[in-house]
Protein backbone atom coordinates (compact mmCIF):
# COMPACT_ATOMS: atom_id res chain seq x y z
CA UNK A 1 -8.94 6.50 -13.57
CA UNK A 2 -6.98 4.27 -16.03
CA UNK A 3 -8.00 0.59 -16.75
CA UNK A 4 -6.33 -2.25 -14.54
CA UNK A 5 -3.90 -4.34 -15.85
CA UNK A 6 -2.59 -7.62 -14.06
CA UNK A 7 0.85 -8.83 -15.25
CA UNK A 8 2.18 -12.49 -13.45
CA UNK A 9 5.82 -11.68 -12.74
CA UNK A 10 8.18 -13.73 -10.91
CA UNK A 11 7.52 -11.21 -7.52
CA UNK A 12 3.87 -11.75 -8.22
CA UNK A 13 0.52 -9.97 -9.34
CA UNK A 14 1.87 -6.88 -10.73
CA UNK A 15 -0.49 -4.21 -10.76
CA UNK A 16 0.17 -2.01 -13.97
CA UNK A 17 -1.01 1.29 -13.44
CA UNK A 18 -3.87 0.29 -10.77
CA UNK A 19 -6.74 2.20 -9.65
CA UNK A 20 -4.43 5.47 -10.47
CA UNK A 21 -1.13 4.53 -9.28
CA UNK A 22 1.79 4.01 -10.88
CA UNK A 23 3.22 0.53 -11.02
CA UNK A 24 6.04 -1.12 -8.74
CA UNK A 25 9.55 -0.24 -9.30
CA UNK A 26 11.70 -3.70 -8.84
CA UNK A 27 14.72 -4.11 -6.46
CA UNK A 28 16.63 -6.76 -4.31
CA UNK A 29 15.61 -6.51 -0.67
CA UNK A 30 17.85 -4.83 1.55
CA UNK A 31 20.08 -7.11 3.64
CA UNK A 32 19.39 -6.73 7.50
CA UNK A 33 21.89 -6.57 10.02
CA UNK A 34 22.80 -10.38 11.30
CA UNK A 35 20.07 -10.91 14.13
CA UNK A 36 21.84 -10.25 17.60
CA UNK A 37 20.31 -8.80 20.56
CA UNK A 38 22.53 -5.53 20.06
CA UNK A 39 21.21 -5.14 16.37
CA UNK A 40 18.05 -5.58 17.56
CA UNK A 41 18.01 -2.62 19.67
CA UNK A 42 19.42 -0.79 16.81
CA UNK A 43 16.93 -2.13 14.34
CA UNK A 44 13.58 -1.76 16.27
CA UNK A 45 11.79 1.63 16.86
CA UNK A 46 8.78 2.06 15.54
CA UNK A 47 6.91 -0.03 18.11
CA UNK A 48 8.48 2.42 20.60
CA UNK A 49 6.48 5.28 18.90
CA UNK A 50 3.56 3.19 18.92
CA UNK A 51 3.56 2.17 22.35
CA UNK A 52 4.07 5.97 23.30
CA UNK A 53 1.39 7.16 21.14
CA UNK A 54 -0.88 4.55 22.93
CA UNK A 55 -0.09 4.38 26.22
CA UNK A 56 -1.82 8.18 26.89
CA UNK A 57 -5.60 7.37 25.90
CA UNK A 58 -6.24 3.54 26.89
CA UNK A 59 -4.08 2.91 29.64
CA UNK A 60 -4.02 6.52 31.48
CA UNK A 61 -7.53 7.92 30.79
CA UNK A 62 -10.05 5.14 29.89
CA UNK A 63 -8.49 1.90 31.49
CA UNK A 64 -8.54 3.34 35.18
CA UNK A 65 -11.73 5.06 34.19
CA UNK A 66 -13.49 1.55 33.41
CA UNK A 67 -11.79 -0.06 36.17
CA UNK A 68 -13.02 2.16 39.11
CA UNK A 69 -16.53 2.30 37.83
CA UNK A 70 -17.06 -1.32 36.64
CA UNK A 71 -14.17 -3.51 37.88
CA UNK A 72 -11.27 -5.14 36.56
CA UNK A 73 -13.62 -8.48 35.36
CA UNK A 74 -14.12 -6.54 31.80
CA UNK A 75 -10.83 -5.92 30.94
CA UNK A 76 -10.72 -9.47 28.93
CA UNK A 77 -11.68 -6.86 25.89
CA UNK A 78 -8.65 -5.20 26.40
CA UNK A 79 -6.76 -8.48 26.11
CA UNK A 80 -8.26 -9.30 23.09
CA UNK A 81 -8.42 -6.13 21.52
CA UNK A 82 -4.49 -6.35 21.94
CA UNK A 83 -3.90 -9.70 20.36
CA UNK A 84 -6.30 -8.45 17.31
CA UNK A 85 -4.81 -5.25 16.75
CA UNK A 86 -1.17 -6.87 17.40
CA UNK A 87 -1.99 -9.45 14.38
CA UNK A 88 -3.76 -6.03 12.56
CA UNK A 89 -0.28 -4.41 12.58
CA UNK A 90 2.00 -7.59 11.73
CA UNK A 91 -0.45 -7.72 8.23
CA UNK A 92 -0.04 -4.08 7.59
CA UNK A 93 3.45 -3.94 7.62
CA UNK A 94 3.83 -7.50 5.67
CA UNK A 95 2.63 -5.21 2.75
CA UNK A 96 5.01 -2.44 3.46
CA UNK A 97 8.05 -4.79 3.78
CA UNK A 98 7.31 -5.96 0.37
CA UNK A 99 6.23 -2.41 -1.54
CA UNK A 100 8.37 0.04 0.80
CA UNK A 101 4.75 1.69 0.62
CA UNK A 102 2.65 2.41 3.79
CA UNK A 103 -0.36 0.33 3.72
CA UNK A 104 -2.44 3.45 2.69
CA UNK A 105 -0.81 3.04 -0.76
CA UNK A 106 -2.05 -0.44 -0.74
CA UNK A 107 -5.30 0.59 -0.15
CA UNK A 108 -5.47 3.03 -2.78
CA UNK A 109 -4.76 0.35 -5.51
CA UNK A 110 -7.92 -1.03 -4.91
CA UNK A 111 -10.88 -0.75 -6.25
CA UNK A 112 -13.20 1.83 -6.73
CA UNK A 113 -9.90 3.80 -7.08
CA UNK A 114 -7.36 5.70 -5.22
CA UNK A 115 -8.92 8.62 -5.50
CA UNK A 116 -11.92 7.37 -3.35
CA UNK A 117 -9.63 5.77 -0.79
CA UNK A 118 -7.73 8.87 -0.58
CA UNK A 119 -10.47 10.97 0.21
CA UNK A 120 -12.18 8.17 2.58
CA UNK A 121 -8.84 7.87 4.74
CA UNK A 122 -8.61 11.72 4.67
CA UNK A 123 -11.61 12.19 6.29
CA UNK A 124 -11.25 9.57 8.88
CA UNK A 125 -7.98 10.58 9.98
CA UNK A 126 -9.26 14.11 10.16
CA UNK A 127 -12.61 12.87 11.94
CA UNK A 128 -10.42 10.74 14.51
CA UNK A 129 -7.21 12.63 15.31
CA UNK A 130 -8.09 16.19 14.47
CA UNK A 131 -9.59 16.66 18.27
CA UNK A 132 -6.68 17.56 20.54
CA UNK A 133 -8.22 15.53 23.32
CA UNK A 134 -4.72 14.27 25.14
CA UNK A 135 -3.47 17.88 24.41
CA UNK A 136 -6.55 18.81 27.01
CA UNK A 137 -5.51 16.34 29.06
CA UNK A 138 -2.33 17.73 29.74
CA UNK A 139 -3.50 20.30 30.22
CA UNK A 140 -5.11 19.06 33.68
CA UNK A 141 -1.98 17.75 34.74
CA UNK A 142 -0.16 21.33 33.92
CA UNK A 143 -2.93 23.29 35.63
CA UNK A 144 -2.58 20.93 38.87
CA UNK A 145 1.35 20.91 38.75
CA UNK A 146 1.43 24.71 38.83
CA UNK A 147 -1.89 25.45 41.06
CA UNK A 148 -1.38 22.58 43.40
CA UNK A 149 -5.07 21.83 42.82
CA UNK A 150 -7.00 19.58 40.62
CA UNK A 151 -9.48 21.82 37.93
CA UNK A 152 -12.89 22.34 38.08
CA UNK A 153 -15.46 23.64 35.79
CA UNK A 154 -14.78 27.16 36.39
CA UNK A 155 -11.40 26.50 35.26
CA UNK A 156 -11.97 25.63 31.53
CA UNK A 157 -11.28 28.55 29.92
CA UNK A 158 -7.13 28.32 31.88
CA UNK A 159 -7.36 24.67 30.93
CA UNK A 160 -7.78 26.02 27.09
CA UNK A 161 -5.07 28.40 27.05
CA UNK A 162 -2.87 25.72 28.33
CA UNK A 163 -3.88 23.57 25.84
CA UNK A 164 -2.66 26.01 23.32
CA UNK A 165 0.68 25.81 25.00
CA UNK A 166 1.46 22.06 24.80
CA UNK A 167 -0.07 22.21 21.29
CA UNK A 168 2.59 25.05 20.22
CA UNK A 169 5.66 23.32 21.86
CA UNK A 170 4.54 19.92 19.77
CA UNK A 171 5.00 21.80 16.57
CA UNK A 172 8.35 23.06 17.88
CA UNK A 173 9.23 19.06 18.52
CA UNK A 174 8.03 18.08 15.45
CA UNK A 175 10.62 21.03 13.37
CA UNK A 176 13.85 18.99 14.55
CA UNK A 177 16.04 15.93 13.81
CA UNK A 178 16.98 14.44 10.45
CA UNK A 179 14.03 11.99 9.77
CA UNK A 180 10.55 12.75 11.71
CA UNK A 181 10.36 9.08 12.64
CA UNK A 182 13.90 9.29 13.77
CA UNK A 183 13.29 12.52 16.71
CA UNK A 184 10.01 11.02 17.81
CA UNK A 185 11.58 7.47 18.34
CA UNK A 186 14.43 9.08 20.71
CA UNK A 187 11.81 10.97 22.63
CA UNK A 188 9.34 7.98 22.89
CA UNK A 189 12.52 6.12 24.10
CA UNK A 190 12.83 8.84 27.13
CA UNK A 191 9.64 8.70 27.98
CA UNK A 192 8.80 5.44 27.83
CA UNK A 193 11.58 4.90 30.13
CA UNK A 194 10.44 7.12 32.94
CA UNK A 195 6.41 6.36 32.45
CA UNK A 196 7.34 2.43 33.19
CA UNK A 197 9.77 2.70 35.88
CA UNK A 198 7.19 5.04 37.69
CA UNK A 199 4.22 2.46 37.03
CA UNK A 200 6.14 -0.61 38.21
CA UNK A 201 7.83 0.97 41.23
CA UNK A 202 5.02 2.28 42.60
CA UNK A 203 2.47 -0.83 41.86
CA UNK A 204 5.04 -2.79 43.73
CA UNK A 205 5.34 -0.58 46.79
CA UNK A 206 1.92 0.52 47.16
CA UNK A 207 -0.46 -2.17 45.93
CA UNK A 208 -1.37 -5.05 47.72
CA UNK A 209 -0.52 -8.58 46.37
CA UNK A 210 -4.20 -9.39 46.87
CA UNK A 211 -5.39 -6.65 44.21
CA UNK A 212 -2.51 -8.05 41.63
CA UNK A 213 -4.12 -11.24 41.24
CA UNK A 214 -7.81 -9.72 41.31
CA UNK A 215 -6.43 -7.46 38.06
CA UNK A 216 -4.92 -10.03 36.20
CA UNK A 217 -7.99 -12.59 36.68
CA UNK A 218 -9.78 -9.70 34.99
CA UNK A 219 -7.65 -9.73 31.66
CA UNK A 220 -8.49 -13.48 31.05
CA UNK A 221 -12.55 -13.47 32.49
CA UNK A 222 -13.68 -13.68 29.15
CA UNK A 223 -17.04 -13.13 28.33
CA UNK A 224 -17.87 -11.42 31.32
CA UNK A 225 -20.05 -8.77 31.88
CA UNK A 226 -21.03 -6.56 35.04
CA UNK A 227 -24.43 -7.67 36.33
CA UNK A 228 -25.18 -3.64 36.29
CA UNK A 229 -24.33 -3.32 32.65
CA UNK A 230 -21.29 -0.93 31.47
CA UNK A 231 -21.23 2.52 29.80
CA UNK A 232 -21.04 1.33 26.24
CA UNK A 233 -19.18 4.64 24.96
CA UNK A 234 -16.40 4.07 27.69
CA UNK A 235 -16.31 0.30 26.87
CA UNK A 236 -15.86 1.19 22.75
CA UNK A 237 -13.37 3.46 23.79
CA UNK A 238 -11.50 0.69 26.08
CA UNK A 239 -11.50 -1.79 23.03
CA UNK A 240 -9.80 0.54 20.56
CA UNK A 241 -7.34 2.22 22.81
CA UNK A 242 -6.30 -0.51 24.43
CA UNK A 243 -3.96 -0.85 21.25
CA UNK A 244 -3.39 2.05 19.71
CA UNK A 245 -6.52 2.60 18.07
CA UNK A 246 -7.22 2.57 14.07
CA UNK A 247 -5.40 5.32 12.05
CA UNK A 248 -2.33 4.93 14.42
CA UNK A 249 -2.73 1.35 13.89
CA UNK A 250 -1.91 1.86 10.13
CA UNK A 251 0.56 4.79 10.41
CA UNK A 252 2.89 1.91 11.95
CA UNK A 253 3.55 1.28 8.60
CA UNK A 254 4.52 4.86 7.51
CA UNK A 255 7.41 4.38 10.01
CA UNK A 256 8.11 1.16 9.33
CA UNK A 257 9.06 2.43 5.69
CA UNK A 258 10.60 5.79 7.35
CA UNK A 259 12.84 3.24 9.94
CA UNK A 260 13.94 1.43 6.88
CA UNK A 261 12.47 -2.37 7.36
CA UNK A 262 12.49 -4.08 4.41
CA UNK A 263 11.96 -2.36 1.15
CA UNK A 264 11.29 0.94 3.02
CA UNK A 265 15.16 1.04 2.93
CA UNK A 266 14.77 2.09 -0.80
CA UNK A 267 12.09 4.74 -1.27
CA UNK A 268 13.16 7.26 1.26
CA UNK A 269 11.46 9.15 4.39
CA UNK A 270 9.85 12.22 5.23
CA UNK A 271 12.83 14.72 6.64
CA UNK A 272 12.07 16.90 9.73
CA UNK A 273 11.99 21.17 8.74
CA UNK A 274 15.17 21.73 11.05
CA UNK A 275 18.92 19.74 11.01
CA UNK A 276 18.04 17.29 8.24
CA UNK A 277 19.94 16.68 4.99
CA UNK A 278 18.09 16.29 1.87
CA UNK A 279 16.14 13.01 1.83
CA UNK A 280 13.98 12.01 -1.07
CA UNK A 281 10.98 10.18 -0.76
CA UNK A 282 9.16 8.14 -3.64
CA UNK A 283 5.71 8.19 -4.49
CA UNK A 284 5.87 5.00 -5.43
CA UNK A 285 7.28 1.68 -4.08
CA UNK A 286 9.63 -1.36 -5.13
CA UNK A 287 8.98 -4.71 -4.49
CA UNK A 288 11.78 -7.51 -5.11
CA UNK A 289 11.48 -10.98 -6.90
CA UNK A 290 10.69 -14.17 -4.91
CA UNK A 291 14.06 -16.32 -4.77
CA UNK A 292 15.83 -18.11 -2.14
CA UNK A 293 18.24 -14.81 -1.08
CA UNK A 294 15.22 -12.73 -0.55
CA UNK A 295 13.29 -15.17 1.12
CA UNK A 296 16.24 -15.64 3.28
CA UNK A 297 16.49 -11.71 3.83
CA UNK A 298 12.72 -11.62 4.39
CA UNK A 299 12.44 -14.06 6.97
CA UNK A 300 15.30 -12.32 9.04
CA UNK A 301 13.39 -8.83 8.72
CA UNK A 302 10.40 -10.33 10.20
CA UNK A 303 12.89 -11.53 13.22
CA UNK A 304 13.15 -7.80 13.87
CA UNK A 305 9.29 -7.26 13.17
CA UNK A 306 7.96 -9.51 15.39
CA UNK A 307 10.63 -7.82 18.23
CA UNK A 308 9.02 -4.63 17.50
CA UNK A 309 5.81 -5.40 17.15
CA UNK A 310 5.14 -8.41 19.92
CA UNK A 311 7.57 -7.94 22.18
CA UNK A 312 7.96 -4.29 22.60
CA UNK A 313 4.43 -2.79 21.30
CA UNK A 314 2.33 -6.01 21.89
CA UNK A 315 3.76 -6.50 25.53
CA UNK A 316 4.00 -2.84 26.00
CA UNK A 317 0.33 -2.60 25.85
CA UNK A 318 -0.44 -5.17 28.37
CA UNK A 319 1.89 -4.29 30.68
CA UNK A 320 0.75 -0.44 30.59
CA UNK A 321 -2.83 -1.31 30.84
CA UNK A 322 -2.37 -3.63 33.45
CA UNK A 323 -0.16 -1.47 35.64
CA UNK A 324 -2.42 1.61 35.36
CA UNK A 325 -5.60 -0.32 35.98
CA UNK A 326 -4.09 -1.82 38.93
CA UNK A 327 -2.79 1.25 40.55
CA UNK A 328 -5.96 2.75 40.13
CA UNK A 329 -8.15 0.43 41.78
CA UNK A 330 -6.40 0.27 44.35
CA UNK A 331 -6.02 3.53 45.63
CA UNK A 332 -9.66 4.91 43.86
CA UNK A 333 -12.39 4.11 45.56
CA UNK A 334 -15.13 2.29 43.87
CA UNK A 335 -17.35 3.61 41.54
CA UNK A 336 -15.81 7.07 41.61
CA UNK A 337 -16.52 9.17 38.18
CA UNK A 338 -12.84 10.08 37.24
CA UNK A 339 -13.67 10.86 33.91
CA UNK A 340 -14.92 14.94 33.80
CA UNK A 341 -12.46 18.14 33.50
CA UNK A 342 -9.73 16.61 35.95
CA UNK A 343 -9.22 13.32 33.70
CA UNK A 344 -5.74 12.93 33.58
CA UNK A 345 -4.38 14.31 36.81
CA UNK A 346 -6.73 12.17 39.24
CA UNK A 347 -4.17 9.70 39.87
CA UNK A 348 -1.98 12.67 41.73
CA UNK A 349 -4.83 13.36 43.91
CA UNK A 350 -5.33 9.87 45.30
CA UNK A 351 -1.45 8.79 44.95
CA UNK A 352 -0.94 11.78 47.45
CA UNK A 353 -2.70 10.37 50.01
CA UNK A 354 -0.30 7.39 50.39
CA UNK A 355 2.86 10.25 50.33
CA UNK A 356 2.65 14.07 49.65
CA UNK A 357 5.78 13.65 47.37
CA UNK A 358 3.51 11.77 44.94
CA UNK A 359 1.47 14.86 43.75
CA UNK A 360 4.58 15.90 41.38
CA UNK A 361 5.61 12.61 40.73
CA UNK A 362 2.30 11.27 39.41
CA UNK A 363 1.59 14.82 37.71
CA UNK A 364 5.19 14.23 35.86
CA UNK A 365 4.16 10.75 35.08
CA UNK A 366 0.74 12.06 33.88
CA UNK A 367 2.26 14.55 31.71
CA UNK A 368 4.66 12.25 29.88
CA UNK A 369 1.84 9.85 29.43
CA UNK A 370 -0.59 12.28 27.97
CA UNK A 371 2.27 14.31 25.67
CA UNK A 372 4.01 11.33 24.37
CA UNK A 373 0.48 10.37 22.86
CA UNK A 374 -0.52 13.33 21.87
CA UNK A 375 2.68 14.23 20.03
CA UNK A 376 2.65 10.92 18.18
CA UNK A 377 -0.78 11.24 17.53
CA UNK A 378 -0.14 14.66 15.81
CA UNK A 379 2.44 12.54 13.54
CA UNK A 380 0.06 10.17 13.11
CA UNK A 381 -2.77 12.48 11.73
CA UNK A 382 -0.06 14.69 9.52
CA UNK A 383 1.76 11.80 8.28
CA UNK A 384 -1.40 9.96 7.02
CA UNK A 385 -2.67 13.16 5.16
CA UNK A 386 0.88 14.03 3.72
CA UNK A 387 1.52 10.60 2.73
CA UNK A 388 -2.10 10.34 0.75
CA UNK A 389 -1.49 13.37 -0.82
CA UNK A 390 1.84 12.79 -1.76
CA UNK A 391 1.30 9.05 -3.34
CA UNK A 392 -2.01 10.31 -4.87
CA UNK A 393 -1.75 13.91 -6.54
CA UNK A 394 1.03 14.47 -8.69
CA UNK A 395 0.31 18.38 -8.32
CA UNK A 396 1.15 17.68 -4.86
CA UNK A 397 4.46 16.20 -5.61
CA UNK A 398 5.76 19.14 -7.81
CA UNK A 399 4.41 21.59 -5.54
CA UNK A 400 7.45 23.99 -4.37
CA UNK A 401 10.03 21.79 -5.91
CA UNK A 402 8.81 18.47 -4.49
CA UNK A 403 9.61 19.06 -1.05
CA UNK A 404 7.69 16.83 0.92
CA UNK A 405 8.51 18.59 3.98
CA UNK A 406 5.90 21.55 2.49
CA UNK A 407 2.95 19.64 2.79
CA UNK A 408 3.82 18.16 6.02
CA UNK A 409 4.45 21.30 7.53
CA UNK A 410 1.52 23.36 6.20
CA UNK A 411 -0.47 20.35 7.06
CA UNK A 412 0.31 20.55 10.79
CA UNK A 413 -0.37 24.46 10.53
CA UNK A 414 -3.54 24.08 9.66
CA UNK A 415 -4.59 21.05 12.24
CA UNK A 416 -3.14 23.26 15.05
CA UNK A 417 -4.83 26.09 14.26
CA UNK A 418 -8.14 23.73 13.95
CA UNK A 419 -7.34 22.09 17.21
CA UNK A 420 -7.23 25.43 19.11
CA UNK A 421 -10.69 25.42 17.72
CA UNK A 422 -12.17 22.34 18.67
CA UNK A 423 -10.60 22.44 22.03
CA UNK A 424 -13.10 24.44 23.32
CA UNK A 425 -15.99 22.54 22.63
CA UNK A 426 -15.57 19.33 25.29
CA UNK A 427 -13.23 17.97 28.22
CA UNK A 428 -10.93 15.64 27.26
CA UNK A 429 -12.67 12.38 28.12
CA UNK A 430 -15.56 13.88 26.22
CA UNK A 431 -13.12 14.24 23.01
CA UNK A 432 -11.44 11.02 23.97
CA UNK A 433 -14.44 8.80 23.50
CA UNK A 434 -14.91 10.32 20.36
CA UNK A 435 -11.86 10.03 18.73
CA UNK A 436 -11.45 6.59 20.11
CA UNK A 437 -14.66 5.06 19.00
CA UNK A 438 -14.28 6.37 15.54
CA UNK A 439 -10.94 4.50 15.43
CA UNK A 440 -12.77 1.26 16.25
CA UNK A 441 -14.96 1.88 12.76
CA UNK A 442 -11.52 2.54 11.18
CA UNK A 443 -9.99 -0.92 12.58
CA UNK A 444 -13.61 -2.77 11.44
CA UNK A 445 -13.22 -1.60 7.98
CA UNK A 446 -9.30 -1.48 7.20
CA UNK A 447 -9.08 -5.24 8.84
CA UNK A 448 -10.91 -6.39 5.35
CA UNK A 449 -8.73 -4.54 3.33
CA UNK A 450 -5.52 -5.06 4.61
CA UNK A 451 -7.16 -8.78 4.12
CA UNK A 452 -7.89 -8.29 0.00
CA UNK A 453 -4.20 -6.23 -0.15
CA UNK A 454 -2.25 -8.75 1.03
CA UNK A 455 -3.82 -11.89 -0.68
CA UNK A 456 -4.59 -9.86 -4.02
CA UNK A 457 -1.35 -7.63 -4.45
CA UNK A 458 1.85 -9.70 -2.79
CA UNK A 459 2.77 -13.22 -4.08
CA UNK A 460 1.39 -16.62 -2.65
CA UNK A 461 5.05 -17.18 -0.65
CA UNK A 462 4.28 -13.79 1.01
CA UNK A 463 0.75 -13.88 1.63
CA UNK A 464 -0.21 -14.72 5.53
CA UNK A 465 -1.30 -17.95 6.79
CA UNK A 466 -5.14 -19.00 6.93
CA UNK A 467 -4.95 -18.58 11.03
CA UNK A 468 -3.90 -14.77 10.10
CA UNK A 469 -6.65 -14.31 7.85
CA UNK A 470 -9.19 -15.67 9.98
CA UNK A 471 -7.75 -13.06 12.68
CA UNK A 472 -8.45 -10.31 10.12
CA UNK A 473 -11.84 -11.29 9.96
CA UNK A 474 -11.78 -11.45 13.87
CA UNK A 475 -10.80 -8.13 13.83
CA UNK A 476 -13.18 -7.02 11.70
CA UNK A 477 -16.29 -8.26 13.39
CA UNK A 478 -15.27 -7.32 17.10
CA UNK A 479 -14.84 -4.03 15.93
CA UNK A 480 -18.43 -3.61 13.76
CA UNK A 481 -19.92 -5.21 17.05
CA UNK A 482 -18.82 -2.65 18.95
CA UNK A 483 -19.66 0.06 16.68
CA UNK A 484 -23.32 -1.50 16.18
CA UNK A 485 -23.56 -1.47 19.99
CA UNK A 486 -22.30 2.04 20.80
CA UNK A 487 -24.65 3.48 17.61
CA UNK A 488 -27.58 1.88 19.12
CA UNK A 489 -27.18 3.49 22.76
CA UNK A 490 -26.41 6.41 21.84
CA UNK A 491 -29.65 6.24 19.45
CA UNK A 492 -31.50 4.85 22.42
CA UNK A 493 -30.30 8.20 24.36
CA UNK A 494 -32.33 10.32 22.35
CA UNK A 495 -35.57 8.64 23.30
């Protein structure tokens, strides 16, 4: 790698040839639309994609399993996790608003080199999201819907075959649209509308008011631990997946770039394979000079960003977790084990006891929840690897005429085949516990990296405040502690 040269400019500390990446270009910050409710709805969207990818694992699978087995008092962990991940997201996006680069590019500008961090995050992303846990859970829902019964151990092979079908449909969806971000955004809004209307309706009509109070109190019972202890592996999964969990939190910066937030509007996006006009994606970002006009625009972009992340994603994660846990603890007997082969479809089994029509409606809701998460997670994995390869490899950028779609869809094919192999290893919940706890490790490490990126690479006027820096440190400590607890519990289980 070439040596690092720092040059003080009006835009801050410019890293020229830093760690193997080219220096940024320069341009003015694009002017956002005047802030209004209508323009807000037109501008936001990445938060909807991230919420759709969040709600399947933590809210639909892990949350209800945790609440039924250990009570709602432990859900203060989910509250803390969502708040910390919200700040994590905002600080990752801070870098993207300034440079037009996803946060991975910022990491690649840190020591020891771009190659080191490229390989590091390719491995972590593959470990976390290379297992098709949510596609497997979708299979349970489809099995129950078409055969009219919950799947059991003898149905494992059938579930695998259905999972293959879910994965192929995912590939087909990702082929179409102008940009992949735009297609995912439209799909996410549609799925979220059905999911939240259904959950709110059944909670209002079928959950006693006293249960609402107990559940809400549980989300703020800070420090509570059940007398009999908890499943540490499940607790670690809850903490990571209550928000988006690791790689998903980082990839919000890619979607923000593709949506055109801030300097993302100067660098391009990843186009879809079919139905898109030609879109170029630069492998290096552009930064803007810090002056009064650009700072005015910067503050306006932050208004849109806060609407997208705080009120759409953050509030959506909390409400989604609350409604799912509130419903599960009201209709499922306390202590029931709902984490086996039928995970993802168990809600329908219990809700049908209230009204037979809920069998199909609950399964449809479960399918949209799980499929939206699987669809988003698939794009997160492939998008992460594509962006890292695109930024870090000159050969990749010149391959096949510099068409980034060839990299994206080539990786999609490879990981689809891999997923068809990996799905044979464990059931949905078993796979999800693995990927969620890897997500916790990602959050522990990347929180500190975001802190370094935002304090070393951004000009002083754009750097986070002291309390935001402290929150990133707290995020790292929170997930490091959980990772150590999970690791130790697994070590003890072998002795």
